[in-house]
Amino acid sequence: MGAGPPLDVDSGNDAAWAAVPHPVLVVDRDGIVRTSSGSARSLLPGLSPGVALKDLAPSWLSGAHQHLTAASGSVHGRDFDAHPTPLPGGEVAWWLVEDSDRSARDARRALTVERERAAFLDEASAVLMASLNIDRCMEATVQMAARHLADAAVLVTPVAGGRIPVVCSGTDGTAEHRRVDADPSDVAGLSEALRGFPPVPSRWIDPASVPGWLVPESFPGPVGSVVITPLPGHGIAAGALVLLRRTSQTAFSEGEEVFARLFAARAGAALSAARLYAEQSAITRTLLRDLLPPQLHRLDGIELAGGYRASEDHEAVGGDFYDVHPAATPDDETLVVLGDVCGKGLEAAVLTGKIRNTLMALSPLAQDHAGVLRLLNAALLCVDDSRFATLVLASVSRRDGQVLLRLTSAGHLAPLIVRNDGRVEEAETAGTLVGVMPQIRARTVETSLAPGETCLLYTDGVTEARGGPLGTDMFGEQRLSAALAECAGLPAEAVVERIMMLTTGWLNERAHDDIAVVAITAPRRTHLSAVDGRTAGRYTA
């Protein structure tokens, strides 16, 4: 209501004003009441012409008359809106309209605020839980808090390495990482919040005592109000959230402190989840270092290369494995092992790790393949596990320019050898599974590789890969032999890459078993050209 109703009376017609049913006062330029309605006199006892408005009316009304602006306030516990109407003689009629709907409006306003806060908390949960990266989670926490709760926000985490990790965000919205050498107990309520104790009221914290390392560089002016609240975590506090405002006129209300704790609870849960994920990831990486197949390289001039693909693309390990145990001296043999554990995924990988560790311990006995397999079989039978494994052992050494091989299969596919003329031979070795029967039988064969020839060890993930045009045909041993024949004379890495590429193409993203391939290639005779690049050079072994 910007002005009162139209009048047919002037300020001198006291009878007309007295008859107005609403509380109305006519006041001159000096703030003296000239006349009023009967309802106004009932509302303000002592109201009579000639009385100064400031002596009988509430201050909010007398202040509004000085500026001639509408105002709202209470009179004897009742809420009114006061609206001025200028009169021709320079006087002002003040209409007091009781605001009977103010409580309803206040309730609607409070409901709107709560809805906005609930929407913000939902948004905060979605944003904070969207990332399991600790740094990004901390940055999102202070940025959202500075944008919605305060002029600046600071996240303090427990001391690490003798220093305090701190993340700040100010009015510019950027996140600033710090590691400070300070004592949290120097700040009232901070050390308690870091230990998960309930927060102290903000009125108990002197803003002047907040140290500079808790204030973002972009924060303008002195700190006027502070809230410090813990970030509840999984069993222990994830840190503490510090909210800063510039002036004491915008001090945190009790409702705002409660709301800050609700936000801190969500932030603490997100930070704890991110920290737990980081710890589990570190443990997983440590374990995977021992479970993943090793990177192979040339040993004593012999080329070694390996390829591996787990049955599920989202998994890094599975039941197939290979290992190389280098010779201790030039006269000893290098032991190459490739195997396949029954099953897939992490459970199979755990047994794979046990087998690999056992074979590492048995590698000094590698001159006796039968003895190694016998001891490994006995070790697996002692394990309370129904899984079994197939293995192929290859002992490699160099003699008189050739590479000598001793090959033994224990229930595994026999190795294939590609000669320089493209012929592919299957090593005549066979044996029983490992970890099934008390006794194990295996036959060892010896052969040699001329320079450039390759022996391929592989698992059934290659030959039993189903795919092709119909999606149901197995890759098979015949296709593998044909592909290997095309690899005659190629380096070991090229042979492995070719076989893995053909197998992957055959699968065409279909489900498959674990795949493992190892190539052992005799060093080739290399042609060394002359310095000028034209004169014939010489061959070396």
Protein backbone atom coordinates (compact mmCIF):
# COMPACT_ATOMS: atom_id res chain seq x y z
CA MET A 1 0.00 0.00 0.00
CA GLY A 2 1.88 3.09 -1.24
CA ALA A 3 -0.66 5.72 -0.14
CA GLY A 4 -3.86 6.07 1.85
CA PRO A 5 -7.35 6.13 0.34
CA PRO A 6 -8.55 9.32 -1.39
CA LEU A 7 -9.92 11.93 0.98
CA ASP A 8 -12.67 14.43 0.72
CA VAL A 9 -11.49 16.13 3.90
CA ASP A 10 -8.61 18.44 4.63
CA SER A 11 -6.36 18.46 7.63
CA GLY A 12 -8.54 21.00 9.45
CA ASN A 13 -11.68 18.89 9.41
CA ASP A 14 -11.17 17.09 12.72
CA ALA A 15 -14.63 15.50 12.67
CA ALA A 16 -13.96 13.88 9.30
CA TRP A 17 -10.63 12.46 10.44
CA ALA A 18 -12.08 11.22 13.68
CA ALA A 19 -14.70 9.25 11.77
CA VAL A 20 -12.12 7.30 9.69
CA PRO A 21 -12.44 3.64 10.75
CA HIS A 22 -8.70 2.97 10.43
CA PRO A 23 -5.95 4.29 12.71
CA VAL A 24 -4.73 7.49 11.05
CA LEU A 25 -2.65 10.40 12.36
CA VAL A 26 -2.19 13.79 10.71
CA VAL A 27 1.27 15.13 11.52
CA ASP A 28 2.84 18.42 10.46
CA ARG A 29 6.37 19.06 9.19
CA ASP A 30 7.68 19.47 12.75
CA GLY A 31 6.32 16.12 13.88
CA ILE A 32 3.41 17.53 15.86
CA VAL A 33 0.12 15.64 15.75
CA ARG A 34 -2.70 17.84 14.43
CA THR A 35 -5.58 15.38 14.47
CA SER A 36 -6.27 11.65 14.48
CA SER A 37 -8.98 9.05 14.14
CA GLY A 38 -10.75 7.48 17.09
CA SER A 39 -9.15 4.09 16.39
CA ALA A 40 -5.70 5.76 16.42
CA ARG A 41 -6.41 7.28 19.84
CA SER A 42 -7.49 3.84 21.08
CA LEU A 43 -4.27 2.36 19.78
CA LEU A 44 -2.04 5.10 21.19
CA PRO A 45 -3.33 6.31 24.58
CA GLY A 46 -2.49 9.94 25.23
CA LEU A 47 -2.73 10.82 21.54
CA SER A 48 -4.14 14.34 21.19
CA PRO A 49 -3.56 17.40 18.99
CA GLY A 50 -0.34 19.25 19.79
CA VAL A 51 1.55 16.22 21.07
CA ALA A 52 4.88 15.43 19.46
CA LEU A 53 4.79 12.18 17.49
CA LYS A 54 8.11 11.03 18.93
CA ASP A 55 6.74 11.31 22.49
CA LEU A 56 3.92 8.80 22.08
CA ALA A 57 4.57 6.75 18.92
CA PRO A 58 7.13 3.97 18.57
CA SER A 59 10.50 4.98 17.20
CA TRP A 60 10.01 3.17 13.91
CA LEU A 61 7.00 5.37 13.14
CA SER A 62 8.59 8.67 14.20
CA GLY A 63 11.69 7.75 12.19
CA ALA A 64 9.58 7.00 9.13
CA HIS A 65 7.97 10.48 9.42
CA GLN A 66 11.39 12.14 9.24
CA HIS A 67 12.09 10.46 5.88
CA LEU A 68 8.46 10.23 4.69
CA THR A 69 8.89 6.56 3.78
CA ALA A 70 6.62 3.61 4.46
CA ALA A 71 7.61 1.47 7.41
CA SER A 72 6.55 -1.59 9.36
CA GLY A 73 6.65 -2.32 13.07
CA SER A 74 4.70 -3.31 16.13
CA VAL A 75 2.49 -1.32 18.48
CA HIS A 76 1.66 -2.98 21.77
CA GLY A 77 2.39 -6.39 20.28
CA ARG A 78 0.39 -5.85 17.10
CA ASP A 79 2.07 -5.60 13.67
CA PHE A 80 1.31 -2.59 11.46
CA ASP A 81 2.37 -1.19 8.12
CA ALA A 82 2.51 2.65 8.11
CA HIS A 83 1.93 4.45 4.79
CA PRO A 84 2.21 8.25 4.36
CA THR A 85 -0.18 10.44 2.33
CA PRO A 86 1.01 14.05 1.76
CA LEU A 87 -1.73 16.65 2.33
CA PRO A 88 -2.09 20.06 0.63
CA GLY A 89 -0.98 22.02 3.67
CA GLY A 90 2.35 20.22 3.95
CA GLU A 91 1.07 17.87 6.58
CA VAL A 92 1.17 14.07 6.28
CA ALA A 93 -1.55 11.55 7.05
CA TRP A 94 -0.10 8.32 8.42
CA TRP A 95 -2.32 5.31 7.82
CA LEU A 96 -1.66 2.39 10.13
CA VAL A 97 -2.79 -0.86 8.52
CA GLU A 98 -2.65 -3.87 10.76
CA ASP A 99 -0.62 -6.69 9.17
CA SER A 100 -2.67 -9.67 10.26
CA ASP A 101 -0.99 -11.86 7.59
CA ARG A 102 2.60 -11.15 8.68
CA SER A 103 2.94 -14.37 10.62
CA ALA A 104 1.76 -16.29 7.57
CA ARG A 105 4.26 -14.44 5.39
CA ASP A 106 7.01 -15.12 7.91
CA ALA A 107 6.08 -18.80 7.85
CA ARG A 108 6.15 -18.83 4.05
CA ARG A 109 9.48 -17.02 4.07
CA ALA A 110 10.89 -19.51 6.57
CA LEU A 111 9.57 -22.39 4.46
CA THR A 112 11.23 -20.92 1.39
CA VAL A 113 14.52 -20.62 3.23
CA GLU A 114 14.31 -24.23 4.40
CA ARG A 115 13.50 -25.41 0.88
CA GLU A 116 16.50 -23.51 -0.47
CA ARG A 117 18.71 -25.02 2.22
CA ALA A 118 17.40 -28.52 1.52
CA ALA A 119 18.05 -28.03 -2.22
CA PHE A 120 21.57 -26.83 -1.44
CA LEU A 121 22.26 -29.83 0.79
CA ASP A 122 21.03 -32.17 -1.96
CA GLU A 123 23.29 -30.40 -4.44
CA ALA A 124 26.19 -30.58 -2.02
CA SER A 125 25.74 -34.33 -1.54
CA ALA A 126 25.61 -34.89 -5.29
CA VAL A 127 28.67 -32.73 -6.00
CA LEU A 128 30.79 -33.98 -3.11
CA MET A 129 30.05 -37.67 -3.66
CA ALA A 130 30.59 -37.42 -7.42
CA SER A 131 34.36 -37.62 -7.04
CA LEU A 132 36.48 -39.93 -4.94
CA ASN A 133 39.51 -37.72 -5.44
CA ILE A 134 40.45 -36.18 -2.08
CA ASP A 135 41.83 -32.91 -3.48
CA ARG A 136 38.80 -32.29 -5.69
CA CYS A 137 36.45 -33.14 -2.81
CA MET A 138 38.19 -30.65 -0.49
CA GLU A 139 38.14 -27.96 -3.16
CA ALA A 140 34.42 -28.49 -3.83
CA THR A 141 33.71 -28.31 -0.09
CA VAL A 142 35.30 -24.90 0.47
CA GLN A 143 34.01 -23.46 -2.81
CA MET A 144 30.40 -24.41 -2.05
CA ALA A 145 30.69 -23.22 1.55
CA ALA A 146 32.15 -19.85 0.51
CA ARG A 147 29.43 -19.41 -2.08
CA HIS A 148 26.41 -20.32 0.09
CA LEU A 149 27.39 -20.10 3.77
CA ALA A 150 29.98 -17.38 4.29
CA ASP A 151 32.36 -14.90 2.69
CA ALA A 152 35.20 -17.44 2.85
CA ALA A 153 35.69 -21.06 3.85
CA VAL A 154 38.74 -22.98 5.04
CA LEU A 155 39.07 -26.76 5.33
CA VAL A 156 41.66 -28.00 7.80
CA THR A 157 42.64 -31.68 7.85
CA PRO A 158 44.59 -33.54 10.56
CA VAL A 159 48.32 -32.95 10.78
CA ALA A 160 50.29 -34.95 8.19
CA GLY A 161 54.09 -35.06 8.16
CA GLY A 162 54.34 -32.42 10.87
CA ARG A 163 52.36 -29.84 8.89
CA ILE A 164 48.67 -28.98 8.58
CA PRO A 165 47.04 -29.41 5.14
CA VAL A 166 44.69 -26.48 4.49
CA VAL A 167 42.40 -25.64 1.56
CA CYS A 168 40.89 -22.12 1.33
CA SER A 169 38.32 -20.45 -0.90
CA GLY A 170 37.33 -16.79 -0.82
CA THR A 171 35.05 -14.46 -2.70
CA ASP A 172 36.78 -15.15 -6.03
CA GLY A 173 35.79 -18.84 -5.90
CA THR A 174 39.28 -20.22 -6.42
CA ALA A 175 40.68 -22.95 -4.17
CA GLU A 176 44.08 -22.46 -2.56
CA HIS A 177 46.09 -25.36 -1.10
CA ARG A 178 48.49 -24.76 1.78
CA ARG A 179 50.63 -26.81 4.11
CA VAL A 180 51.34 -24.76 7.20
CA ASP A 181 53.58 -25.24 10.20
CA ALA A 182 51.22 -24.21 13.00
CA ASP A 183 49.55 -25.46 16.16
CA PRO A 184 45.75 -25.96 15.83
CA SER A 185 45.34 -25.45 19.58
CA ASP A 186 46.21 -21.77 19.08
CA VAL A 187 42.76 -21.29 17.51
CA ALA A 188 39.80 -21.65 19.87
CA GLY A 189 37.74 -24.69 18.95
CA LEU A 190 39.95 -25.86 16.07
CA SER A 191 41.91 -28.64 17.77
CA GLU A 192 38.66 -29.86 19.35
CA ALA A 193 36.93 -29.90 15.95
CA LEU A 194 39.82 -31.86 14.42
CA ARG A 195 39.27 -34.49 17.13
CA GLY A 196 35.55 -34.63 16.37
CA PHE A 197 34.28 -32.78 19.46
CA PRO A 198 31.06 -30.72 19.15
CA PRO A 199 31.62 -27.16 17.88
CA VAL A 200 31.80 -24.18 20.19
CA PRO A 201 29.31 -21.34 19.52
CA SER A 202 30.66 -18.70 17.19
CA ARG A 203 30.10 -15.98 19.79
CA TRP A 204 32.79 -17.63 21.91
CA ILE A 205 35.44 -17.15 19.23
CA ASP A 206 37.23 -13.82 19.02
CA PRO A 207 37.55 -12.98 15.29
CA ALA A 208 40.69 -10.99 16.01
CA SER A 209 42.41 -14.18 17.20
CA VAL A 210 42.09 -15.94 13.83
CA PRO A 211 45.66 -16.36 12.46
CA GLY A 212 46.63 -15.37 8.95
CA TRP A 213 47.12 -18.97 7.76
CA LEU A 214 43.37 -19.52 8.28
CA VAL A 215 42.39 -16.55 6.09
CA PRO A 216 42.40 -16.76 2.26
CA GLU A 217 44.59 -14.24 0.47
CA SER A 218 41.56 -12.91 -1.41
CA PHE A 219 39.61 -12.22 1.81
CA PRO A 220 38.99 -8.46 2.07
CA GLY A 221 39.32 -6.65 5.37
CA PRO A 222 39.36 -8.00 8.91
CA VAL A 223 37.42 -11.08 10.03
CA GLY A 224 34.13 -10.14 11.67
CA SER A 225 32.59 -13.51 12.56
CA VAL A 226 33.85 -17.11 12.70
CA VAL A 227 32.28 -20.57 12.78
CA ILE A 228 34.41 -23.70 13.37
CA THR A 229 32.67 -27.05 13.00
CA PRO A 230 34.00 -30.62 12.73
CA LEU A 231 33.67 -32.70 9.58
CA PRO A 232 32.31 -36.01 10.88
CA GLY A 233 33.92 -39.03 9.27
CA HIS A 234 33.81 -42.81 9.44
CA GLY A 235 34.76 -43.32 13.07
CA ILE A 236 37.10 -40.31 13.22
CA ALA A 237 36.75 -36.70 12.13
CA ALA A 238 37.72 -36.01 8.53
CA GLY A 239 38.82 -32.48 9.44
CA ALA A 240 37.34 -29.13 10.42
CA LEU A 241 35.46 -26.49 8.43
CA VAL A 242 36.10 -22.82 9.23
CA LEU A 243 33.60 -20.23 7.94
CA LEU A 244 34.51 -16.53 7.88
CA ARG A 245 32.45 -13.38 7.44
CA ARG A 246 33.77 -9.86 7.03
CA THR A 247 31.76 -7.78 9.52
CA SER A 248 30.16 -8.46 12.86
CA GLN A 249 26.84 -7.11 11.52
CA THR A 250 26.56 -10.32 9.51
CA ALA A 251 27.39 -12.58 12.46
CA PHE A 252 26.26 -16.17 12.18
CA SER A 253 22.85 -16.83 13.70
CA GLU A 254 22.09 -19.98 15.63
CA GLY A 255 20.12 -21.32 12.67
CA GLU A 256 23.05 -20.67 10.32
CA GLU A 257 25.43 -22.50 12.64
CA VAL A 258 23.10 -25.52 12.66
CA PHE A 259 22.88 -25.38 8.88
CA ALA A 260 26.68 -25.23 8.65
CA ARG A 261 26.88 -28.42 10.73
CA LEU A 262 24.44 -30.16 8.38
CA PHE A 263 26.63 -29.22 5.41
CA ALA A 264 29.75 -30.28 7.31
CA ALA A 265 28.24 -33.71 7.94
CA ARG A 266 27.83 -34.28 4.21
CA ALA A 267 31.28 -32.93 3.44
CA GLY A 268 32.84 -35.13 6.14
CA ALA A 269 31.14 -38.24 4.77
CA ALA A 270 32.37 -37.45 1.25
CA LEU A 271 35.93 -36.77 2.43
CA SER A 272 36.01 -39.97 4.47
CA ALA A 273 34.79 -41.96 1.47
CA ALA A 274 37.44 -40.36 -0.75
CA ARG A 275 40.17 -41.02 1.83
CA LEU A 276 39.04 -44.65 2.25
CA TYR A 277 39.03 -45.10 -1.52
CA ALA A 278 42.54 -43.65 -1.75
CA GLU A 279 43.79 -46.02 0.94
CA GLN A 280 42.16 -49.02 -0.73
CA SER A 281 43.56 -47.95 -4.10
CA ALA A 282 47.05 -47.75 -2.64
CA ILE A 283 46.67 -51.24 -1.16
CA THR A 284 45.35 -52.54 -4.47
CA ARG A 285 48.26 -51.01 -6.40
CA THR A 286 50.71 -52.59 -3.99
CA LEU A 287 49.10 -56.00 -4.40
CA LEU A 288 48.80 -55.67 -8.17
CA ARG A 289 52.51 -55.02 -8.49
CA ASP A 290 53.04 -58.65 -7.47
CA LEU A 291 50.04 -60.06 -9.37
CA LEU A 292 50.53 -58.38 -12.74
CA PRO A 293 52.74 -60.12 -15.30
CA PRO A 294 56.21 -58.57 -15.46
CA GLN A 295 57.66 -56.51 -18.28
CA LEU A 296 59.94 -58.80 -20.30
CA HIS A 297 63.17 -57.79 -21.98
CA ARG A 298 66.24 -59.28 -23.61
CA LEU A 299 68.26 -61.63 -21.38
CA ASP A 300 71.75 -62.79 -22.40
CA GLY A 301 70.90 -61.83 -25.96
CA ILE A 302 67.69 -63.90 -26.00
CA GLU A 303 64.58 -61.91 -26.90
CA LEU A 304 61.63 -62.29 -24.53
CA ALA A 305 58.23 -60.65 -24.95
CA GLY A 306 54.89 -61.17 -23.26
CA GLY A 307 51.26 -60.15 -23.76
CA TYR A 308 48.37 -60.34 -21.32
CA ARG A 309 44.68 -59.50 -21.29
CA ALA A 310 42.28 -60.28 -18.42
CA SER A 311 38.87 -61.77 -19.13
CA GLU A 312 37.15 -58.54 -18.08
CA ASP A 313 38.40 -55.23 -19.42
CA HIS A 314 37.76 -53.53 -16.06
CA GLU A 315 40.00 -56.05 -14.29
CA ALA A 316 43.77 -55.87 -14.32
CA VAL A 317 44.50 -59.43 -13.20
CA GLY A 318 43.11 -62.90 -13.76
CA GLY A 319 44.01 -66.57 -13.80
CA ASP A 320 46.62 -66.52 -16.59
CA PHE A 321 50.20 -65.60 -15.79
CA TYR A 322 53.80 -65.75 -16.94
CA ASP A 323 57.14 -65.19 -15.26
CA VAL A 324 60.84 -65.19 -16.08
CA HIS A 325 63.51 -66.25 -13.58
CA PRO A 326 66.91 -65.20 -14.99
CA ALA A 327 69.92 -67.50 -14.85
CA ALA A 328 72.21 -66.88 -11.91
CA THR A 329 75.35 -67.44 -14.04
CA PRO A 330 76.04 -67.61 -17.80
CA ASP A 331 76.22 -71.39 -17.55
CA ASP A 332 72.78 -71.69 -15.91
CA GLU A 333 69.39 -71.72 -17.58
CA THR A 334 66.77 -68.98 -17.58
CA LEU A 335 63.39 -70.37 -16.51
CA VAL A 336 60.29 -69.11 -18.34
CA VAL A 337 56.91 -70.10 -16.89
CA LEU A 338 53.44 -69.66 -18.37
CA GLY A 339 50.32 -70.98 -16.70
CA ASP A 340 46.56 -70.92 -16.39
CA VAL A 341 44.67 -71.18 -13.09
CA CYS A 342 41.13 -72.52 -13.10
CA GLY A 343 38.69 -69.61 -12.88
CA LYS A 344 38.76 -65.89 -13.57
CA GLY A 345 39.06 -62.60 -11.75
CA LEU A 346 40.58 -61.75 -8.39
CA GLU A 347 40.09 -65.16 -6.75
CA ALA A 348 42.01 -66.85 -9.57
CA ALA A 349 44.65 -64.11 -9.37
CA VAL A 350 45.20 -64.84 -5.67
CA LEU A 351 46.04 -68.47 -6.43
CA THR A 352 48.15 -67.26 -9.34
CA GLY A 353 50.18 -65.20 -6.87
CA LYS A 354 50.72 -68.24 -4.65
CA ILE A 355 51.93 -70.32 -7.60
CA ARG A 356 54.25 -67.58 -8.82
CA ASN A 357 55.78 -67.13 -5.37
CA THR A 358 56.26 -70.89 -5.01
CA LEU A 359 57.92 -71.14 -8.43
CA MET A 360 60.20 -68.25 -7.56
CA ALA A 361 61.36 -70.16 -4.50
CA LEU A 362 61.82 -73.31 -6.60
CA SER A 363 63.64 -71.59 -9.48
CA PRO A 364 67.13 -72.68 -8.26
CA LEU A 365 65.94 -76.27 -8.93
CA ALA A 366 64.84 -75.46 -12.47
CA GLN A 367 67.27 -77.98 -14.04
CA ASP A 368 64.84 -80.66 -12.81
CA HIS A 369 61.41 -79.77 -14.26
CA ALA A 370 59.80 -82.90 -12.88
CA GLY A 371 61.07 -82.09 -9.40
CA VAL A 372 59.78 -78.50 -9.59
CA LEU A 373 56.33 -79.67 -10.69
CA ARG A 374 56.24 -82.33 -7.99
CA LEU A 375 57.01 -79.83 -5.24
CA LEU A 376 54.54 -77.28 -6.65
CA ASN A 377 51.85 -79.96 -6.85
CA ALA A 378 52.42 -80.90 -3.21
CA ALA A 379 52.22 -77.22 -2.18
CA LEU A 380 48.90 -76.72 -3.99
CA LEU A 381 47.39 -79.88 -2.50
CA CYS A 382 48.10 -78.46 0.97
CA VAL A 383 46.02 -75.38 0.20
CA ASP A 384 42.34 -75.64 1.07
CA ASP A 385 41.25 -74.74 -2.44
CA SER A 386 39.50 -76.71 -5.16
CA ARG A 387 41.26 -74.82 -7.94
CA PHE A 388 43.95 -76.31 -10.13
CA ALA A 389 46.40 -75.03 -12.71
CA THR A 390 48.11 -75.94 -15.96
CA LEU A 391 51.73 -74.99 -16.59
CA VAL A 392 54.43 -75.02 -19.19
CA LEU A 393 58.09 -74.65 -18.17
CA ALA A 394 60.77 -73.50 -20.60
CA SER A 395 64.45 -73.55 -19.61
CA VAL A 396 66.49 -71.40 -21.99
CA SER A 397 70.26 -71.24 -22.52
CA ARG A 398 72.72 -70.28 -25.28
CA ARG A 399 75.22 -72.77 -26.65
CA ASP A 400 77.40 -72.45 -29.78
CA GLY A 401 75.30 -69.72 -31.37
CA GLN A 402 72.01 -71.51 -30.80
CA VAL A 403 69.34 -71.23 -28.16
CA LEU A 404 68.66 -74.50 -26.35
CA LEU A 405 65.19 -75.17 -24.93
CA ARG A 406 63.89 -77.71 -22.45
CA LEU A 407 60.09 -77.68 -22.49
CA THR A 408 57.72 -79.39 -20.08
CA SER A 409 53.92 -79.20 -20.13
CA ALA A 410 51.80 -79.99 -17.08
CA GLY A 411 48.30 -80.27 -18.50
CA HIS A 412 48.97 -77.21 -20.66
CA LEU A 413 48.87 -76.60 -24.42
CA ALA A 414 52.17 -77.59 -26.02
CA PRO A 415 54.43 -74.72 -27.15
CA LEU A 416 54.68 -73.90 -30.86
CA ILE A 417 57.97 -73.25 -32.67
CA VAL A 418 58.18 -71.24 -35.91
CA ARG A 419 61.26 -71.93 -38.00
CA ASN A 420 62.91 -69.48 -40.34
CA ASP A 421 61.28 -71.14 -43.39
CA GLY A 422 57.78 -70.61 -41.90
CA ARG A 423 57.26 -74.16 -40.64
CA VAL A 424 55.42 -74.38 -37.36
CA GLU A 425 56.21 -77.30 -35.05
CA GLU A 426 54.43 -78.41 -31.90
CA ALA A 427 56.70 -79.42 -29.03
CA GLU A 428 56.01 -83.04 -28.08
CA THR A 429 55.53 -82.48 -24.37
CA ALA A 430 52.55 -83.37 -22.20
CA GLY A 431 51.64 -83.93 -18.57
CA THR A 432 48.93 -83.92 -15.92
CA LEU A 433 47.29 -80.97 -14.17
CA VAL A 434 48.91 -79.41 -11.13
CA GLY A 435 47.04 -79.44 -7.82
CA VAL A 436 44.63 -82.31 -8.56
CA MET A 437 46.30 -85.68 -7.95
CA PRO A 438 48.98 -86.63 -5.39
CA GLN A 439 51.25 -87.77 -8.20
CA ILE A 440 52.07 -85.71 -11.28
CA ARG A 441 53.45 -86.99 -14.57
CA ALA A 442 55.09 -84.85 -17.25
CA ARG A 443 57.36 -85.35 -20.27
CA THR A 444 60.25 -82.98 -20.99
CA VAL A 445 61.51 -82.42 -24.54
CA GLU A 446 64.62 -80.66 -25.74
CA THR A 447 64.96 -78.61 -28.90
CA SER A 448 66.90 -75.63 -30.19
CA LEU A 449 66.23 -72.35 -31.96
CA ALA A 450 68.36 -71.11 -34.78
CA PRO A 451 68.91 -67.33 -35.02
CA GLY A 452 65.56 -65.63 -35.70
CA GLU A 453 63.39 -68.62 -34.74
CA THR A 454 60.70 -68.29 -32.06
CA CYS A 455 59.07 -70.53 -29.47
CA LEU A 456 55.54 -69.40 -28.50
CA LEU A 457 53.97 -70.21 -25.14
CA TYR A 458 50.24 -69.42 -24.92
CA THR A 459 47.09 -70.13 -22.92
CA ASP A 460 43.77 -71.47 -24.16
CA GLY A 461 42.41 -67.92 -24.09
CA VAL A 462 43.93 -67.64 -27.57
CA THR A 463 42.76 -70.87 -29.20
CA GLU A 464 39.35 -70.90 -27.48
CA ALA A 465 38.56 -67.27 -28.25
CA ARG A 466 35.09 -67.29 -29.80
CA GLY A 467 34.28 -64.79 -32.50
CA GLY A 468 34.64 -64.45 -36.24
CA PRO A 469 31.81 -63.61 -38.65
CA LEU A 470 29.20 -65.62 -36.71
CA GLY A 471 30.59 -64.83 -33.27
CA THR A 472 30.63 -68.50 -32.21
CA ASP A 473 33.68 -69.94 -33.99
CA MET A 474 36.83 -70.62 -31.97
CA PHE A 475 40.08 -69.09 -33.11
CA GLY A 476 41.59 -72.56 -32.93
CA GLU A 477 45.05 -74.04 -33.21
CA GLN A 478 44.99 -74.04 -37.01
CA ARG A 479 44.49 -70.27 -37.24
CA LEU A 480 47.13 -69.78 -34.57
CA SER A 481 49.65 -71.91 -36.51
CA ALA A 482 48.89 -70.03 -39.73
CA ALA A 483 49.31 -66.68 -37.97
CA LEU A 484 52.56 -67.83 -36.39
CA ALA A 485 53.91 -68.98 -39.75
CA GLU A 486 53.51 -65.42 -41.02
CA CYS A 487 55.68 -64.24 -38.11
CA ALA A 488 58.78 -66.17 -39.22
CA GLY A 489 61.89 -64.08 -38.63
CA LEU A 490 60.09 -61.35 -36.68
CA PRO A 491 61.33 -60.05 -33.30
CA ALA A 492 59.70 -61.46 -30.19
CA GLU A 493 57.74 -58.27 -29.50
CA ALA A 494 56.35 -58.25 -33.03
CA VAL A 495 55.26 -61.90 -32.74
CA VAL A 496 53.40 -61.23 -29.48
CA GLU A 497 51.80 -58.06 -30.83
CA ARG A 498 50.63 -59.90 -33.96
CA ILE A 499 49.06 -62.80 -32.04
CA MET A 500 47.37 -60.48 -29.51
CA MET A 501 46.03 -58.25 -32.29
CA LEU A 502 44.58 -61.19 -34.26
CA THR A 503 42.98 -62.67 -31.14
CA THR A 504 41.48 -59.34 -30.08
CA GLY A 505 40.15 -58.74 -33.59
CA TRP A 506 38.63 -62.21 -33.66
CA LEU A 507 36.83 -61.58 -30.35
CA ASN A 508 35.54 -58.16 -31.47
CA GLU A 509 34.67 -57.09 -27.90
CA ARG A 510 32.89 -60.36 -27.06
CA ALA A 511 33.27 -62.17 -23.75
CA HIS A 512 36.46 -64.19 -23.48
CA ASP A 513 38.82 -66.03 -21.15
CA ASP A 514 42.10 -64.64 -19.84
CA ILE A 515 44.79 -64.46 -22.53
CA ALA A 516 48.55 -64.78 -22.03
CA VAL A 517 51.32 -65.15 -24.63
CA VAL A 518 55.12 -65.36 -24.31
CA ALA A 519 57.57 -65.40 -27.22
CA ILE A 520 61.17 -66.67 -26.91
CA THR A 521 63.27 -65.67 -29.92
CA ALA A 522 66.86 -66.61 -30.67
CA PRO A 523 69.03 -63.56 -31.42
CA ARG A 524 69.18 -62.88 -35.13
CA ARG A 525 72.28 -62.32 -37.19
CA THR A 526 72.33 -58.58 -37.83
CA HIS A 527 73.78 -56.86 -40.90
CA LEU A 528 76.09 -53.95 -40.07
CA SER A 529 76.53 -51.56 -43.02
CA ALA A 530 79.66 -49.54 -43.58
CA VAL A 531 79.97 -45.99 -42.34
CA ASP A 532 79.24 -44.51 -45.79
CA GLY A 533 75.95 -46.43 -45.96
CA ARG A 534 76.79 -47.97 -49.40
CA THR A 535 79.71 -50.35 -48.93
CA ALA A 536 78.78 -53.87 -47.84
CA GLY A 537 79.38 -54.49 -44.17
CA ARG A 538 79.55 -57.76 -42.24
CA TYR A 539 77.20 -60.13 -40.39
CA THR A 540 77.50 -60.77 -36.71
CA ALA A 541 75.77 -63.30 -34.53
